[in-house]
Protein backbone atom coordinates (compact mmCIF):
# COMPACT_ATOMS: atom_id res chain seq x y z
CA UNK A 1 0.00 0.00 0.00
CA UNK A 2 2.80 2.38 0.84
CA UNK A 3 4.51 1.91 -2.52
CA UNK A 4 1.26 2.47 -4.38
CA UNK A 5 0.52 5.68 -2.51
CA UNK A 6 4.12 6.88 -2.97
CA UNK A 7 3.90 6.24 -6.71
CA UNK A 8 0.58 8.12 -6.97
CA UNK A 9 1.80 11.07 -4.93
CA UNK A 10 5.08 11.26 -6.83
CA UNK A 11 3.40 11.15 -10.23
CA UNK A 12 0.80 13.71 -9.15
CA UNK A 13 3.55 15.98 -7.81
CA UNK A 14 5.49 15.78 -11.08
CA UNK A 15 2.33 16.58 -13.04
CA UNK A 16 1.58 19.55 -10.76
CA UNK A 17 5.12 20.88 -11.20
CA UNK A 18 4.81 20.57 -14.98
CA UNK A 19 1.43 22.31 -14.96
CA UNK A 20 2.76 25.15 -12.81
CA UNK A 21 5.77 25.55 -15.10
CA UNK A 22 3.63 25.49 -18.24
CA UNK A 23 1.03 27.86 -16.81
CA UNK A 24 3.58 30.64 -17.28
CA UNK A 25 3.38 30.12 -21.05
CA UNK A 26 1.05 32.22 -23.17
CA UNK A 27 -0.18 29.26 -25.20
CA UNK A 28 -3.43 27.93 -23.70
CA UNK A 29 -3.08 24.53 -25.41
CA UNK A 30 0.13 23.78 -23.49
CA UNK A 31 -1.64 24.42 -20.21
CA UNK A 32 -4.74 22.43 -21.22
CA UNK A 33 -2.58 19.37 -21.94
CA UNK A 34 -2.30 18.79 -18.17
CA UNK A 35 -6.03 18.84 -17.50
CA UNK A 36 -6.83 15.14 -17.97
CA UNK A 37 -3.78 13.86 -16.09
CA UNK A 38 -4.39 16.18 -13.15
CA UNK A 39 -8.02 15.09 -12.96
CA UNK A 40 -7.09 11.40 -13.05
CA UNK A 41 -4.41 11.70 -10.36
CA UNK A 42 -6.70 13.81 -8.18
CA UNK A 43 -9.44 11.19 -8.52
CA UNK A 44 -7.08 8.31 -7.66
CA UNK A 45 -5.64 10.08 -4.62
CA UNK A 46 -9.13 11.08 -3.47
CA UNK A 47 -10.24 7.46 -3.81
CA UNK A 48 -7.15 6.18 -2.00
CA UNK A 49 -7.56 8.62 0.89
CA UNK A 50 -11.24 7.76 1.33
CA UNK A 51 -10.48 4.03 1.30
CA UNK A 52 -7.62 4.48 3.77
CA UNK A 53 -9.82 6.52 6.08
CA UNK A 54 -12.47 3.77 6.03
CA UNK A 55 -9.87 1.13 6.85
CA UNK A 56 -8.47 3.32 9.61
CA UNK A 57 -11.92 3.95 11.04
CA UNK A 58 -12.83 0.27 11.12
CA UNK A 59 -9.47 -1.46 11.58
CA UNK A 60 -7.18 0.72 13.66
CA UNK A 61 -8.30 1.09 17.21
CA UNK A 62 -5.21 2.31 19.01
CA UNK A 63 -6.85 2.35 22.43
CA UNK A 64 -7.07 -1.45 22.69
CA UNK A 65 -4.06 -3.36 24.02
CA UNK A 66 -2.52 -5.95 21.71
CA UNK A 67 -3.99 -9.45 22.06
CA UNK A 68 -2.18 -11.95 24.27
CA UNK A 69 -0.33 -14.50 22.15
CA UNK A 70 -0.62 -18.14 23.06
CA UNK A 71 2.29 -20.58 23.14
CA UNK A 72 2.63 -23.14 20.43
CA UNK A 73 4.54 -26.37 20.06
CA UNK A 74 7.12 -27.33 22.68
CA UNK A 75 7.38 -24.10 24.61
CA UNK A 76 8.09 -21.88 21.62
CA UNK A 77 6.58 -18.44 21.74
CA UNK A 78 4.09 -17.53 19.05
CA UNK A 79 5.21 -14.75 16.79
CA UNK A 80 8.94 -15.23 17.27
CA UNK A 81 9.70 -16.63 13.82
CA UNK A 82 11.29 -14.58 11.06
CA UNK A 83 8.05 -14.64 9.10
CA UNK A 84 6.15 -13.21 12.06
CA UNK A 85 8.82 -10.56 12.58
CA UNK A 86 8.67 -9.47 8.94
CA UNK A 87 4.88 -9.43 9.11
CA UNK A 88 5.04 -6.96 11.99
CA UNK A 89 7.37 -4.61 10.14
CA UNK A 90 5.25 -4.68 6.98
CA UNK A 91 2.09 -3.46 8.69
CA UNK A 92 0.87 -0.36 6.90
CA UNK A 93 -0.87 2.49 8.69
CA UNK A 94 -2.59 5.43 7.11
CA UNK A 95 -1.51 7.75 9.92
CA UNK A 96 2.10 7.50 8.74
CA UNK A 97 1.13 8.55 5.21
CA UNK A 98 -1.14 11.53 5.91
CA UNK A 99 1.60 14.20 5.90
CA UNK A 100 2.92 13.29 2.46
CA UNK A 101 -0.57 13.16 0.99
CA UNK A 102 -1.50 16.53 2.46
CA UNK A 103 1.70 18.15 1.19
CA UNK A 104 0.91 17.03 -2.34
CA UNK A 105 -2.70 18.17 -2.09
CA UNK A 106 -1.57 21.58 -0.81
CA UNK A 107 0.82 21.77 -3.75
CA UNK A 108 -2.12 21.12 -6.09
CA UNK A 109 -4.03 24.02 -4.56
CA UNK A 110 -1.28 26.37 -5.75
CA UNK A 111 -2.18 25.67 -9.37
CA UNK A 112 -3.59 28.48 -11.47
CA UNK A 113 -6.83 26.58 -11.96
CA UNK A 114 -8.48 29.34 -13.99
CA UNK A 115 -5.99 28.66 -16.79
CA UNK A 116 -6.73 24.92 -16.89
CA UNK A 117 -10.45 24.73 -16.09
CA UNK A 118 -12.39 27.49 -17.75
CA UNK A 119 -15.73 27.12 -15.98
CA UNK A 120 -16.39 27.31 -12.27
CA UNK A 121 -18.11 23.89 -12.03
CA UNK A 122 -15.07 22.19 -13.62
CA UNK A 123 -12.73 24.02 -11.26
CA UNK A 124 -14.90 23.22 -8.24
CA UNK A 125 -15.09 19.54 -9.23
CA UNK A 126 -11.28 19.34 -9.32
CA UNK A 127 -10.84 21.06 -5.98
CA UNK A 128 -13.47 18.98 -4.20
């Protein structure tokens, strides 16, 4: 999940940078070339954030203590294998990813949206 979000945020950031750079040009067609890509990345990140918030709301309850692990086999402790250790380190949490996502979204708000989306409903749809 982390790699997917990183790839989305990185690609969206690159597209935002290109749109900001090209918005300084006088040619409207150059600026309009970024419209579809920006809309698609914004949609994907919006979808990802909503899904992550749902998972966080239902799956991450930080107030509960971790469950007690039972012993298995001949006195071996459960969860002490390498596989169990790697499983613990791979656990993804949305809380760790929020800052990066918000930085990219704030960067998108710096776009000169009136140059890319000509009508207010189009501009409002991108922002929301």
